Amino acid sequence: MDTNNCGPGQAEPAMDTADWRTQLPLDYRQRIVNKILDALKRHLPVPGQEGWNELRKIAVRFEEKIYTGATSQSDYLRKISLKMLTMETKTQTALANNLPSNSAGNSKNPQDPAD
């Protein structure tokens, strides 16, 4: 006797991915929003309470958009991580491009002989 309850064409992973949101604790999402907010504060410094409130709204909207569009918890985390990494990379690139050209002379070049 077959103990497998799945009929032809039915896939168990579809059920797992369909209800991944119900298994995600609310405080987990809040922690993600806080991490997004921290990243935004580092890269988009804004003065005053009004600016902070605006950053919080942006973080909440961003998390909600990713949450509703994700197909699984791993997809949710991957998309958020990718966006945060992209923001970090863009900021570092912008900072590197804005450095004065003579600042590179202060660092040691590994190809130069040591004195």
PDB file of N, CA and C in Angstrom:
ATOM      1  N   MET A   1       0.837  -1.172   0.000  1.00  0.00           N
ATOM      2  CA  MET A   1       0.000   0.000   0.000  1.00  0.00           C
ATOM      3  C   MET A   1       0.882   1.235   0.000  1.00  0.00           C
ATOM      4  N   ASP A   2       0.527   2.228  -0.803  1.00  0.00           N
ATOM      5  CA  ASP A   2       1.301   3.458  -0.944  1.00  0.00           C
ATOM      6  C   ASP A   2       0.930   4.429   0.179  1.00  0.00           C
ATOM      7  N   THR A   3       1.928   4.882   0.925  1.00  0.00           N
ATOM      8  CA  THR A   3       1.668   5.813   2.018  1.00  0.00           C
ATOM      9  C   THR A   3       1.822   7.261   1.591  1.00  0.00           C
ATOM     10  N   ASN A   4       2.170   7.498   0.356  1.00  0.00           N
ATOM     11  CA  ASN A   4       2.332   8.860  -0.148  1.00  0.00           C
ATOM     12  C   ASN A   4       0.956   9.435  -0.475  1.00  0.00           C
ATOM     13  N   ASN A   5       0.578  10.518   0.179  1.00  0.00           N
ATOM     14  CA  ASN A   5      -0.739  11.122  -0.016  1.00  0.00           C
ATOM     15  C   ASN A   5      -0.795  12.101  -1.165  1.00  0.00           C
ATOM     16  N   CYS A   6       0.326  12.348  -1.821  1.00  0.00           N
ATOM     17  CA  CYS A   6       0.348  13.280  -2.944  1.00  0.00           C
ATOM     18  C   CYS A   6      -0.108  12.567  -4.196  1.00  0.00           C
ATOM     19  N   GLY A   7      -1.045  13.138  -4.875  1.00  0.00           N
ATOM     20  CA  GLY A   7      -1.501  12.588  -6.138  1.00  0.00           C
ATOM     21  C   GLY A   7      -0.609  13.060  -7.264  1.00  0.00           C
ATOM     22  N   PRO A   8      -0.876  12.598  -8.465  1.00  0.00           N
ATOM     23  CA  PRO A   8      -0.071  13.024  -9.601  1.00  0.00           C
ATOM     24  C   PRO A   8      -0.181  14.531  -9.814  1.00  0.00           C
ATOM     25  N   GLY A   9       0.964  15.138 -10.065  1.00  0.00           N
ATOM     26  CA  GLY A   9       0.963  16.582 -10.339  1.00  0.00           C
ATOM     27  C   GLY A   9       0.957  17.450  -9.095  1.00  0.00           C
ATOM     28  N   GLN A  10       0.878  16.850  -7.927  1.00  0.00           N
ATOM     29  CA  GLN A  10       0.907  17.627  -6.691  1.00  0.00           C
ATOM     30  C   GLN A  10       2.320  17.634  -6.144  1.00  0.00           C
ATOM     31  N   ALA A  11       2.751  18.813  -5.718  1.00  0.00           N
ATOM     32  CA  ALA A  11       4.097  18.939  -5.176  1.00  0.00           C
ATOM     33  C   ALA A  11       4.018  19.497  -3.767  1.00  0.00           C
ATOM     34  N   GLU A  12       4.656  18.833  -2.837  1.00  0.00           N
ATOM     35  CA  GLU A  12       4.639  19.293  -1.454  1.00  0.00           C
ATOM     36  C   GLU A  12       5.306  20.648  -1.264  1.00  0.00           C
ATOM     37  N   PRO A  13       6.431  20.950  -1.924  1.00  0.00           N
ATOM     38  CA  PRO A  13       7.074  22.247  -1.699  1.00  0.00           C
ATOM     39  C   PRO A  13       6.165  23.435  -2.001  1.00  0.00           C
ATOM     40  N   ALA A  14       5.212  23.291  -2.891  1.00  0.00           N
ATOM     41  CA  ALA A  14       4.315  24.399  -3.195  1.00  0.00           C
ATOM     42  C   ALA A  14       3.527  24.807  -1.957  1.00  0.00           C
ATOM     43  N   MET A  15       3.133  23.840  -1.156  1.00  0.00           N
ATOM     44  CA  MET A  15       2.400  24.171   0.058  1.00  0.00           C
ATOM     45  C   MET A  15       3.312  24.900   1.046  1.00  0.00           C
ATOM     46  N   ASP A  16       4.548  24.439   1.159  1.00  0.00           N
ATOM     47  CA  ASP A  16       5.483  25.074   2.077  1.00  0.00           C
ATOM     48  C   ASP A  16       5.754  26.517   1.678  1.00  0.00           C
ATOM     49  N   THR A  17       5.917  26.778   0.382  1.00  0.00           N
ATOM     50  CA  THR A  17       6.215  28.131  -0.062  1.00  0.00           C
ATOM     51  C   THR A  17       4.989  29.020   0.000  1.00  0.00           C
ATOM     52  N   ALA A  18       3.799  28.444  -0.112  1.00  0.00           N
ATOM     53  CA  ALA A  18       2.581  29.249  -0.091  1.00  0.00           C
ATOM     54  C   ALA A  18       2.324  29.830   1.294  1.00  0.00           C
ATOM     55  N   ASP A  19       2.667  29.088   2.327  1.00  0.00           N
ATOM     56  CA  ASP A  19       2.363  29.587   3.670  1.00  0.00           C
ATOM     57  C   ASP A  19       3.608  29.954   4.470  1.00  0.00           C
ATOM     58  N   TRP A  20       4.712  30.263   3.818  1.00  0.00           N
ATOM     59  CA  TRP A  20       5.927  30.637   4.546  1.00  0.00           C
ATOM     60  C   TRP A  20       5.708  31.891   5.358  1.00  0.00           C
ATOM     61  N   ARG A  21       4.837  32.790   4.887  1.00  0.00           N
ATOM     62  CA  ARG A  21       4.596  34.050   5.608  1.00  0.00           C
ATOM     63  C   ARG A  21       3.910  33.820   6.949  1.00  0.00           C
ATOM     64  N   THR A  22       3.042  32.821   7.005  1.00  0.00           N
ATOM     65  CA  THR A  22       2.329  32.553   8.262  1.00  0.00           C
ATOM     66  C   THR A  22       3.264  31.987   9.326  1.00  0.00           C
ATOM     67  N   GLN A  23       4.372  31.429   8.902  1.00  0.00           N
ATOM     68  CA  GLN A  23       5.309  30.840   9.850  1.00  0.00           C
ATOM     69  C   GLN A  23       6.408  31.814  10.270  1.00  0.00           C
ATOM     70  N   LEU A  24       6.415  32.994   9.684  1.00  0.00           N
ATOM     71  CA  LEU A  24       7.436  33.999  10.002  1.00  0.00           C
ATOM     72  C   LEU A  24       6.945  34.864  11.153  1.00  0.00           C
ATOM     73  N   PRO A  25       7.639  34.854  12.283  1.00  0.00           N
ATOM     74  CA  PRO A  25       7.196  35.659  13.434  1.00  0.00           C
ATOM     75  C   PRO A  25       7.213  37.155  13.120  1.00  0.00           C
ATOM     76  N   LEU A  26       6.261  37.892  13.666  1.00  0.00           N
ATOM     77  CA  LEU A  26       6.159  39.326  13.433  1.00  0.00           C
ATOM     78  C   LEU A  26       7.413  40.053  13.910  1.00  0.00           C
ATOM     79  N   ASP A  27       7.981  39.630  15.039  1.00  0.00           N
ATOM     80  CA  ASP A  27       9.175  40.306  15.540  1.00  0.00           C
ATOM     81  C   ASP A  27      10.368  40.091  14.603  1.00  0.00           C
ATOM     82  N   TYR A  28      10.357  39.016  13.836  1.00  0.00           N
ATOM     83  CA  TYR A  28      11.406  38.764  12.847  1.00  0.00           C
ATOM     84  C   TYR A  28      11.374  39.854  11.778  1.00  0.00           C
ATOM     85  N   ARG A  29      10.188  40.166  11.296  1.00  0.00           N
ATOM     86  CA  ARG A  29      10.041  41.228  10.299  1.00  0.00           C
ATOM     87  C   ARG A  29      10.454  42.571  10.876  1.00  0.00           C
ATOM     88  N   GLN A  30      10.141  42.817  12.128  1.00  0.00           N
ATOM     89  CA  GLN A  30      10.510  44.082  12.765  1.00  0.00           C
ATOM     90  C   GLN A  30      12.026  44.212  12.862  1.00  0.00           C
ATOM     91  N   ARG A  31      12.695  43.098  13.156  1.00  0.00           N
ATOM     92  CA  ARG A  31      14.161  43.130  13.193  1.00  0.00           C
ATOM     93  C   ARG A  31      14.738  43.430  11.816  1.00  0.00           C
ATOM     94  N   ILE A  32      14.124  42.881  10.782  1.00  0.00           N
ATOM     95  CA  ILE A  32      14.582  43.155   9.413  1.00  0.00           C
ATOM     96  C   ILE A  32      14.392  44.638   9.098  1.00  0.00           C
ATOM     97  N   VAL A  33      13.239  45.198   9.454  1.00  0.00           N
ATOM     98  CA  VAL A  33      12.983  46.626   9.235  1.00  0.00           C
ATOM     99  C   VAL A  33      14.030  47.461   9.969  1.00  0.00           C
ATOM    100  N   ASN A  34      14.372  47.075  11.191  1.00  0.00           N
ATOM    101  CA  ASN A  34      15.379  47.815  11.960  1.00  0.00           C
ATOM    102  C   ASN A  34      16.751  47.761  11.294  1.00  0.00           C
ATOM    103  N   LYS A  35      17.095  46.606  10.722  1.00  0.00           N
ATOM    104  CA  LYS A  35      18.374  46.490  10.017  1.00  0.00           C
ATOM    105  C   LYS A  35      18.376  47.364   8.762  1.00  0.00           C
ATOM    106  N   ILE A  36      17.263  47.388   8.060  1.00  0.00           N
ATOM    107  CA  ILE A  36      17.146  48.248   6.880  1.00  0.00           C
ATOM    108  C   ILE A  36      17.267  49.705   7.303  1.00  0.00           C
ATOM    109  N   LEU A  37      16.601  50.052   8.378  1.00  0.00           N
ATOM    110  CA  LEU A  37      16.640  51.423   8.898  1.00  0.00           C
ATOM    111  C   LEU A  37      18.063  51.818   9.284  1.00  0.00           C
ATOM    112  N   ASP A  38      18.788  50.921   9.934  1.00  0.00           N
ATOM    113  CA  ASP A  38      20.185  51.203  10.297  1.00  0.00           C
ATOM    114  C   ASP A  38      21.024  51.471   9.050  1.00  0.00           C
ATOM    115  N   ALA A  39      20.826  50.666   8.030  1.00  0.00           N
ATOM    116  CA  ALA A  39      21.578  50.852   6.789  1.00  0.00           C
ATOM    117  C   ALA A  39      21.214  52.181   6.134  1.00  0.00           C
ATOM    118  N   LEU A  40      19.940  52.509   6.126  1.00  0.00           N
ATOM    119  CA  LEU A  40      19.512  53.783   5.541  1.00  0.00           C
ATOM    120  C   LEU A  40      20.118  54.959   6.302  1.00  0.00           C
ATOM    121  N   LYS A  41      20.144  54.870   7.624  1.00  0.00           N
ATOM    122  CA  LYS A  41      20.713  55.960   8.434  1.00  0.00           C
ATOM    123  C   LYS A  41      22.198  56.152   8.139  1.00  0.00           C
ATOM    124  N   ARG A  42      22.906  55.054   7.907  1.00  0.00           N
ATOM    125  CA  ARG A  42      24.334  55.146   7.584  1.00  0.00           C
ATOM    126  C   ARG A  42      24.568  55.797   6.224  1.00  0.00           C
ATOM    127  N   HIS A  43      23.682  55.529   5.292  1.00  0.00           N
ATOM    128  CA  HIS A  43      23.917  55.969   3.917  1.00  0.00           C
ATOM    129  C   HIS A  43      23.121  57.210   3.518  1.00  0.00           C
ATOM    130  N   LEU A  44      22.097  57.518   4.266  1.00  0.00           N
ATOM    131  CA  LEU A  44      21.279  58.698   3.981  1.00  0.00           C
ATOM    132  C   LEU A  44      21.063  59.485   5.266  1.00  0.00           C
ATOM    133  N   PRO A  45      22.097  60.121   5.765  1.00  0.00           N
ATOM    134  CA  PRO A  45      21.926  60.854   7.026  1.00  0.00           C
ATOM    135  C   PRO A  45      20.938  62.006   6.852  1.00  0.00           C
ATOM    136  N   VAL A  46      19.951  62.038   7.715  1.00  0.00           N
ATOM    137  CA  VAL A  46      18.954  63.106   7.669  1.00  0.00           C
ATOM    138  C   VAL A  46      18.837  63.736   9.048  1.00  0.00           C
ATOM    139  N   PRO A  47      18.682  65.032   9.088  1.00  0.00           N
ATOM    140  CA  PRO A  47      18.602  65.712  10.384  1.00  0.00           C
ATOM    141  C   PRO A  47      17.196  65.639  10.991  1.00  0.00           C
ATOM    142  N   GLY A  48      17.160  65.595  12.295  1.00  0.00           N
ATOM    143  CA  GLY A  48      15.899  65.756  13.028  1.00  0.00           C
ATOM    144  C   GLY A  48      15.004  64.543  13.050  1.00  0.00           C
ATOM    145  N   GLN A  49      13.985  64.664  13.876  1.00  0.00           N
ATOM    146  CA  GLN A  49      13.009  63.596  14.069  1.00  0.00           C
ATOM    147  C   GLN A  49      12.183  63.356  12.806  1.00  0.00           C
ATOM    148  N   GLU A  50      11.862  64.413  12.082  1.00  0.00           N
ATOM    149  CA  GLU A  50      11.062  64.260  10.861  1.00  0.00           C
ATOM    150  C   GLU A  50      11.810  63.426   9.823  1.00  0.00           C
ATOM    151  N   GLY A  51      13.107  63.657   9.688  1.00  0.00           N
ATOM    152  CA  GLY A  51      13.922  62.873   8.760  1.00  0.00           C
ATOM    153  C   GLY A  51      13.994  61.418   9.172  1.00  0.00           C
ATOM    154  N   TRP A  52      14.137  61.180  10.477  1.00  0.00           N
ATOM    155  CA  TRP A  52      14.188  59.817  10.986  1.00  0.00           C
ATOM    156  C   TRP A  52      12.863  59.105  10.715  1.00  0.00           C
ATOM    157  N   ASN A  53      11.750  59.804  10.942  1.00  0.00           N
ATOM    158  CA  ASN A  53      10.430  59.208  10.683  1.00  0.00           C
ATOM    159  C   ASN A  53      10.270  58.860   9.209  1.00  0.00           C
ATOM    160  N   GLU A  54      10.789  59.701   8.333  1.00  0.00           N
ATOM    161  CA  GLU A  54      10.702  59.440   6.892  1.00  0.00           C
ATOM    162  C   GLU A  54      11.528  58.201   6.520  1.00  0.00           C
ATOM    163  N   LEU A  55      12.725  58.072   7.098  1.00  0.00           N
ATOM    164  CA  LEU A  55      13.544  56.886   6.842  1.00  0.00           C
ATOM    165  C   LEU A  55      12.839  55.627   7.328  1.00  0.00           C
ATOM    166  N   ARG A  56      12.175  55.723   8.467  1.00  0.00           N
ATOM    167  CA  ARG A  56      11.439  54.576   8.996  1.00  0.00           C
ATOM    168  C   ARG A  56      10.327  54.165   8.037  1.00  0.00           C
ATOM    169  N   LYS A  57       9.606  55.134   7.494  1.00  0.00           N
ATOM    170  CA  LYS A  57       8.544  54.828   6.528  1.00  0.00           C
ATOM    171  C   LYS A  57       9.114  54.144   5.292  1.00  0.00           C
ATOM    172  N   ILE A  58      10.260  54.633   4.837  1.00  0.00           N
ATOM    173  CA  ILE A  58      10.907  54.033   3.666  1.00  0.00           C
ATOM    174  C   ILE A  58      11.281  52.585   3.962  1.00  0.00           C
ATOM    175  N   ALA A  59      11.867  52.334   5.134  1.00  0.00           N
ATOM    176  CA  ALA A  59      12.280  50.979   5.516  1.00  0.00           C
ATOM    177  C   ALA A  59      11.070  50.044   5.594  1.00  0.00           C
ATOM    178  N   VAL A  60       9.981  50.524   6.181  1.00  0.00           N
ATOM    179  CA  VAL A  60       8.775  49.701   6.317  1.00  0.00           C
ATOM    180  C   VAL A  60       8.182  49.392   4.943  1.00  0.00           C
ATOM    181  N   ARG A  61       8.100  50.405   4.079  1.00  0.00           N
ATOM    182  CA  ARG A  61       7.552  50.176   2.728  1.00  0.00           C
ATOM    183  C   ARG A  61       8.420  49.209   1.928  1.00  0.00           C
ATOM    184  N   PHE A  62       9.733  49.372   2.038  1.00  0.00           N
ATOM    185  CA  PHE A  62      10.648  48.493   1.321  1.00  0.00           C
ATOM    186  C   PHE A  62      10.481  47.049   1.785  1.00  0.00           C
ATOM    187  N   GLU A  63      10.461  46.843   3.109  1.00  0.00           N
ATOM    188  CA  GLU A  63      10.314  45.490   3.653  1.00  0.00           C
ATOM    189  C   GLU A  63       8.987  44.887   3.210  1.00  0.00           C
ATOM    190  N   GLU A  64       7.927  45.676   3.256  1.00  0.00           N
ATOM    191  CA  GLU A  64       6.595  45.190   2.871  1.00  0.00           C
ATOM    192  C   GLU A  64       6.565  44.776   1.395  1.00  0.00           C
ATOM    193  N   LYS A  65       7.209  45.569   0.563  1.00  0.00           N
ATOM    194  CA  LYS A  65       7.250  45.257  -0.875  1.00  0.00           C
ATOM    195  C   LYS A  65       7.976  43.938  -1.117  1.00  0.00           C
ATOM    196  N   ILE A  66       9.109  43.754  -0.466  1.00  0.00           N
ATOM    197  CA  ILE A  66       9.863  42.510  -0.620  1.00  0.00           C
ATOM    198  C   ILE A  66       9.087  41.337  -0.030  1.00  0.00           C
ATOM    199  N   TYR A  67       8.482  41.549   1.122  1.00  0.00           N
ATOM    200  CA  TYR A  67       7.718  40.508   1.804  1.00  0.00           C
ATOM    201  C   TYR A  67       6.569  39.996   0.931  1.00  0.00           C
ATOM    202  N   THR A  68       5.830  40.913   0.326  1.00  0.00           N
ATOM    203  CA  THR A  68       4.686  40.495  -0.481  1.00  0.00           C
ATOM    204  C   THR A  68       5.096  39.874  -1.815  1.00  0.00           C
ATOM    205  N   GLY A  69       6.258  40.256  -2.332  1.00  0.00           N
ATOM    206  CA  GLY A  69       6.693  39.729  -3.615  1.00  0.00           C
ATOM    207  C   GLY A  69       7.525  38.468  -3.538  1.00  0.00           C
ATOM    208  N   ALA A  70       8.030  38.151  -2.351  1.00  0.00           N
ATOM    209  CA  ALA A  70       8.906  36.991  -2.206  1.00  0.00           C
ATOM    210  C   ALA A  70       8.114  35.693  -2.313  1.00  0.00           C
ATOM    211  N   THR A  71       8.768  34.685  -2.855  1.00  0.00           N
ATOM    212  CA  THR A  71       8.116  33.382  -3.016  1.00  0.00           C
ATOM    213  C   THR A  71       8.407  32.431  -1.866  1.00  0.00           C
ATOM    214  N   SER A  72       9.394  32.769  -1.047  1.00  0.00           N
ATOM    215  CA  SER A  72       9.752  31.938   0.105  1.00  0.00           C
ATOM    216  C   SER A  72      10.550  32.793   1.087  1.00  0.00           C
ATOM    217  N   GLN A  73      10.789  32.252   2.256  1.00  0.00           N
ATOM    218  CA  GLN A  73      11.567  32.992   3.236  1.00  0.00           C
ATOM    219  C   GLN A  73      12.991  33.215   2.730  1.00  0.00           C
ATOM    220  N   SER A  74      13.561  32.231   2.084  1.00  0.00           N
ATOM    221  CA  SER A  74      14.918  32.410   1.561  1.00  0.00           C
ATOM    222  C   SER A  74      14.944  33.454   0.442  1.00  0.00           C
ATOM    223  N   ASP A  75      13.891  33.505  -0.372  1.00  0.00           N
ATOM    224  CA  ASP A  75      13.793  34.532  -1.419  1.00  0.00           C
ATOM    225  C   ASP A  75      13.674  35.914  -0.784  1.00  0.00           C
ATOM    226  N   TYR A  76      12.875  36.009   0.262  1.00  0.00           N
ATOM    227  CA  TYR A  76      12.696  37.251   1.018  1.00  0.00           C
ATOM    228  C   TYR A  76      14.032  37.760   1.555  1.00  0.00           C
ATOM    229  N   LEU A  77      14.774  36.887   2.214  1.00  0.00           N
ATOM    230  CA  LEU A  77      16.063  37.271   2.786  1.00  0.00           C
ATOM    231  C   LEU A  77      17.087  37.582   1.701  1.00  0.00           C
ATOM    232  N   ARG A  78      17.066  36.811   0.621  1.00  0.00           N
ATOM    233  CA  ARG A  78      18.008  37.036  -0.474  1.00  0.00           C
ATOM    234  C   ARG A  78      17.792  38.401  -1.112  1.00  0.00           C
ATOM    235  N   LYS A  79      16.531  38.753  -1.377  1.00  0.00           N
ATOM    236  CA  LYS A  79      16.231  40.039  -2.010  1.00  0.00           C
ATOM    237  C   LYS A  79      16.611  41.218  -1.118  1.00  0.00           C
ATOM    238  N   ILE A  80      16.327  41.112   0.161  1.00  0.00           N
ATOM    239  CA  ILE A  80      16.681  42.189   1.088  1.00  0.00           C
ATOM    240  C   ILE A  80      18.200  42.301   1.189  1.00  0.00           C
ATOM    241  N   SER A  81      18.876  41.179   1.332  1.00  0.00           N
ATOM    242  CA  SER A  81      20.343  41.200   1.426  1.00  0.00           C
ATOM    243  C   SER A  81      20.967  41.792   0.174  1.00  0.00           C
ATOM    244  N   LEU A  82      20.451  41.423  -0.978  1.00  0.00           N
ATOM    245  CA  LEU A  82      20.991  41.925  -2.232  1.00  0.00           C
ATOM    246  C   LEU A  82      20.826  43.438  -2.336  1.00  0.00           C
ATOM    247  N   LYS A  83      19.661  43.945  -1.953  1.00  0.00           N
ATOM    248  CA  LYS A  83      19.426  45.394  -2.001  1.00  0.00           C
ATOM    249  C   LYS A  83      20.345  46.129  -1.027  1.00  0.00           C
ATOM    250  N   MET A  84      20.502  45.587   0.173  1.00  0.00           N
ATOM    251  CA  MET A  84      21.360  46.239   1.159  1.00  0.00           C
ATOM    252  C   MET A  84      22.822  46.205   0.714  1.00  0.00           C
ATOM    253  N   LEU A  85      23.248  45.098   0.118  1.00  0.00           N
ATOM    254  CA  LEU A  85      24.609  44.998  -0.400  1.00  0.00           C
ATOM    255  C   LEU A  85      24.821  45.985  -1.546  1.00  0.00           C
ATOM    256  N   THR A  86      23.834  46.115  -2.409  1.00  0.00           N
ATOM    257  CA  THR A  86      23.922  47.072  -3.516  1.00  0.00           C
ATOM    258  C   THR A  86      24.051  48.492  -2.992  1.00  0.00           C
ATOM    259  N   MET A  87      23.281  48.833  -1.969  1.00  0.00           N
ATOM    260  CA  MET A  87      23.353  50.166  -1.373  1.00  0.00           C
ATOM    261  C   MET A  87      24.738  50.402  -0.771  1.00  0.00           C
ATOM    262  N   GLU A  88      25.260  49.400  -0.081  1.00  0.00           N
ATOM    263  CA  GLU A  88      26.584  49.500   0.527  1.00  0.00           C
ATOM    264  C   GLU A  88      27.652  49.699  -0.549  1.00  0.00           C
ATOM    265  N   THR A  89      27.570  48.934  -1.613  1.00  0.00           N
ATOM    266  CA  THR A  89      28.543  49.018  -2.698  1.00  0.00           C
ATOM    267  C   THR A  89      28.490  50.370  -3.392  1.00  0.00           C
ATOM    268  N   LYS A  90      27.285  50.857  -3.660  1.00  0.00           N
ATOM    269  CA  LYS A  90      27.143  52.159  -4.314  1.00  0.00           C
ATOM    270  C   LYS A  90      27.720  53.275  -3.452  1.00  0.00           C
ATOM    271  N   THR A  91      27.504  53.195  -2.154  1.00  0.00           N
ATOM    272  CA  THR A  91      28.028  54.219  -1.248  1.00  0.00           C
ATOM    273  C   THR A  91      29.553  54.177  -1.228  1.00  0.00           C
ATOM    274  N   GLN A  92      30.122  52.984  -1.143  1.00  0.00           N
ATOM    275  CA  GLN A  92      31.577  52.863  -1.130  1.00  0.00           C
ATOM    276  C   GLN A  92      32.180  53.347  -2.444  1.00  0.00           C
ATOM    277  N   THR A  93      31.533  53.044  -3.552  1.00  0.00           N
ATOM    278  CA  THR A  93      32.010  53.499  -4.859  1.00  0.00           C
ATOM    279  C   THR A  93      31.952  55.016  -4.945  1.00  0.00           C
ATOM    280  N   ALA A  94      30.853  55.594  -4.470  1.00  0.00           N
ATOM    281  CA  ALA A  94      30.714  57.051  -4.497  1.00  0.00           C
ATOM    282  C   ALA A  94      31.772  57.716  -3.618  1.00  0.00           C
ATOM    283  N   LEU A  95      32.034  57.146  -2.452  1.00  0.00           N
ATOM    284  CA  LEU A  95      33.060  57.703  -1.572  1.00  0.00           C
ATOM    285  C   LEU A  95      34.438  57.602  -2.220  1.00  0.00           C
ATOM    286  N   ALA A  96      34.729  56.484  -2.842  1.00  0.00           N
ATOM    287  CA  ALA A  96      36.026  56.305  -3.499  1.00  0.00           C
ATOM    288  C   ALA A  96      36.196  57.288  -4.653  1.00  0.00           C
ATOM    289  N   ASN A  97      35.127  57.544  -5.381  1.00  0.00           N
ATOM    290  CA  ASN A  97      35.187  58.475  -6.507  1.00  0.00           C
ATOM    291  C   ASN A  97      35.329  59.923  -6.045  1.00  0.00           C
ATOM    292  N   ASN A  98      34.897  60.220  -4.831  1.00  0.00           N
ATOM    293  CA  ASN A  98      34.959  61.591  -4.323  1.00  0.00           C
ATOM    294  C   ASN A  98      36.244  61.899  -3.564  1.00  0.00           C
ATOM    295  N   LEU A  99      37.097  60.896  -3.366  1.00  0.00           N
ATOM    296  CA  LEU A  99      38.358  61.141  -2.674  1.00  0.00           C
ATOM    297  C   LEU A  99      39.272  61.985  -3.558  1.00  0.00           C
ATOM    298  N   PRO A 100      40.004  62.915  -2.952  1.00  0.00           N
ATOM    299  CA  PRO A 100      40.968  63.681  -3.748  1.00  0.00           C
ATOM    300  C   PRO A 100      42.035  62.745  -4.316  1.00  0.00           C
ATOM    301  N   SER A 101      42.515  63.044  -5.495  1.00  0.00           N
ATOM    302  CA  SER A 101      43.466  62.152  -6.159  1.00  0.00           C
ATOM    303  C   SER A 101      44.789  62.043  -5.419  1.00  0.00           C
ATOM    304  N   ASN A 102      45.178  63.049  -4.639  1.00  0.00           N
ATOM    305  CA  ASN A 102      46.448  62.984  -3.926  1.00  0.00           C
ATOM    306  C   ASN A 102      46.378  62.117  -2.670  1.00  0.00           C
ATOM    307  N   SER A 103      45.204  61.706  -2.247  1.00  0.00           N
ATOM    308  CA  SER A 103      45.094  60.877  -1.051  1.00  0.00           C
ATOM    309  C   SER A 103      45.654  59.483  -1.301  1.00  0.00           C
ATOM    310  N   ALA A 104      45.717  59.061  -2.547  1.00  0.00           N
ATOM    311  CA  ALA A 104      46.264  57.747  -2.854  1.00  0.00           C
ATOM    312  C   ALA A 104      47.759  57.710  -2.583  1.00  0.00           C
ATOM    313  N   GLY A 105      48.441  58.840  -2.589  1.00  0.00           N
ATOM    314  CA  GLY A 105      49.873  58.893  -2.339  1.00  0.00           C
ATOM    315  C   GLY A 105      50.224  58.574  -0.905  1.00  0.00           C
ATOM    316  N   ASN A 106      49.282  58.623  -0.001  1.00  0.00           N
ATOM    317  CA  ASN A 106      49.550  58.352   1.408  1.00  0.00           C
ATOM    318  C   ASN A 106      49.604  56.872   1.727  1.00  0.00           C
ATOM    319  N   SER A 107      49.073  56.031   0.858  1.00  0.00           N
ATOM    320  CA  SER A 107      49.067  54.603   1.140  1.00  0.00           C
ATOM    321  C   SER A 107      50.290  53.964   0.487  1.00  0.00           C
ATOM    322  N   LYS A 108      50.740  52.858   1.098  1.00  0.00           N
ATOM    323  CA  LYS A 108      51.910  52.161   0.544  1.00  0.00           C
ATOM    324  C   LYS A 108      51.473  51.295  -0.617  1.00  0.00           C
ATOM    325  N   ASN A 109      52.260  51.319  -1.644  1.00  0.00           N
ATOM    326  CA  ASN A 109      52.014  50.492  -2.807  1.00  0.00           C
ATOM    327  C   ASN A 109      52.815  49.218  -2.623  1.00  0.00           C
ATOM    328  N   PRO A 110      52.194  48.039  -2.688  1.00  0.00           N
ATOM    329  CA  PRO A 110      52.922  46.800  -2.468  1.00  0.00           C
ATOM    330  C   PRO A 110      54.023  46.557  -3.491  1.00  0.00           C
ATOM    331  N   GLN A 111      53.971  47.231  -4.631  1.00  0.00           N
ATOM    332  CA  GLN A 111      54.995  47.037  -5.645  1.00  0.00           C
ATOM    333  C   GLN A 111      56.229  47.905  -5.394  1.00  0.00           C
ATOM    334  N   ASP A 112      56.098  48.926  -4.521  1.00  0.00           N
ATOM    335  CA  ASP A 112      57.250  49.783  -4.214  1.00  0.00           C
ATOM    336  C   ASP A 112      58.214  49.063  -3.296  1.00  0.00           C
ATOM    337  N   PRO A 113      59.506  49.224  -3.505  1.00  0.00           N
ATOM    338  CA  PRO A 113      60.448  48.594  -2.579  1.00  0.00           C
ATOM    339  C   PRO A 113      60.375  49.273  -1.204  1.00  0.00           C
ATOM    340  N   ALA A 114      60.533  48.495  -0.186  1.00  0.00           N
ATOM    341  CA  ALA A 114      60.496  49.031   1.185  1.00  0.00           C
ATOM    342  C   ALA A 114      61.769  49.787   1.470  1.00  0.00           C
ATOM    343  N   ASP A 115      61.660  50.896   2.211  1.00  0.00           N
ATOM    344  CA  ASP A 115      62.841  51.702   2.549  1.00  0.00           C
ATOM    345  C   ASP A 115      63.554  51.178   3.756  1.00  0.00           C
TER     346      ASP A 115
END
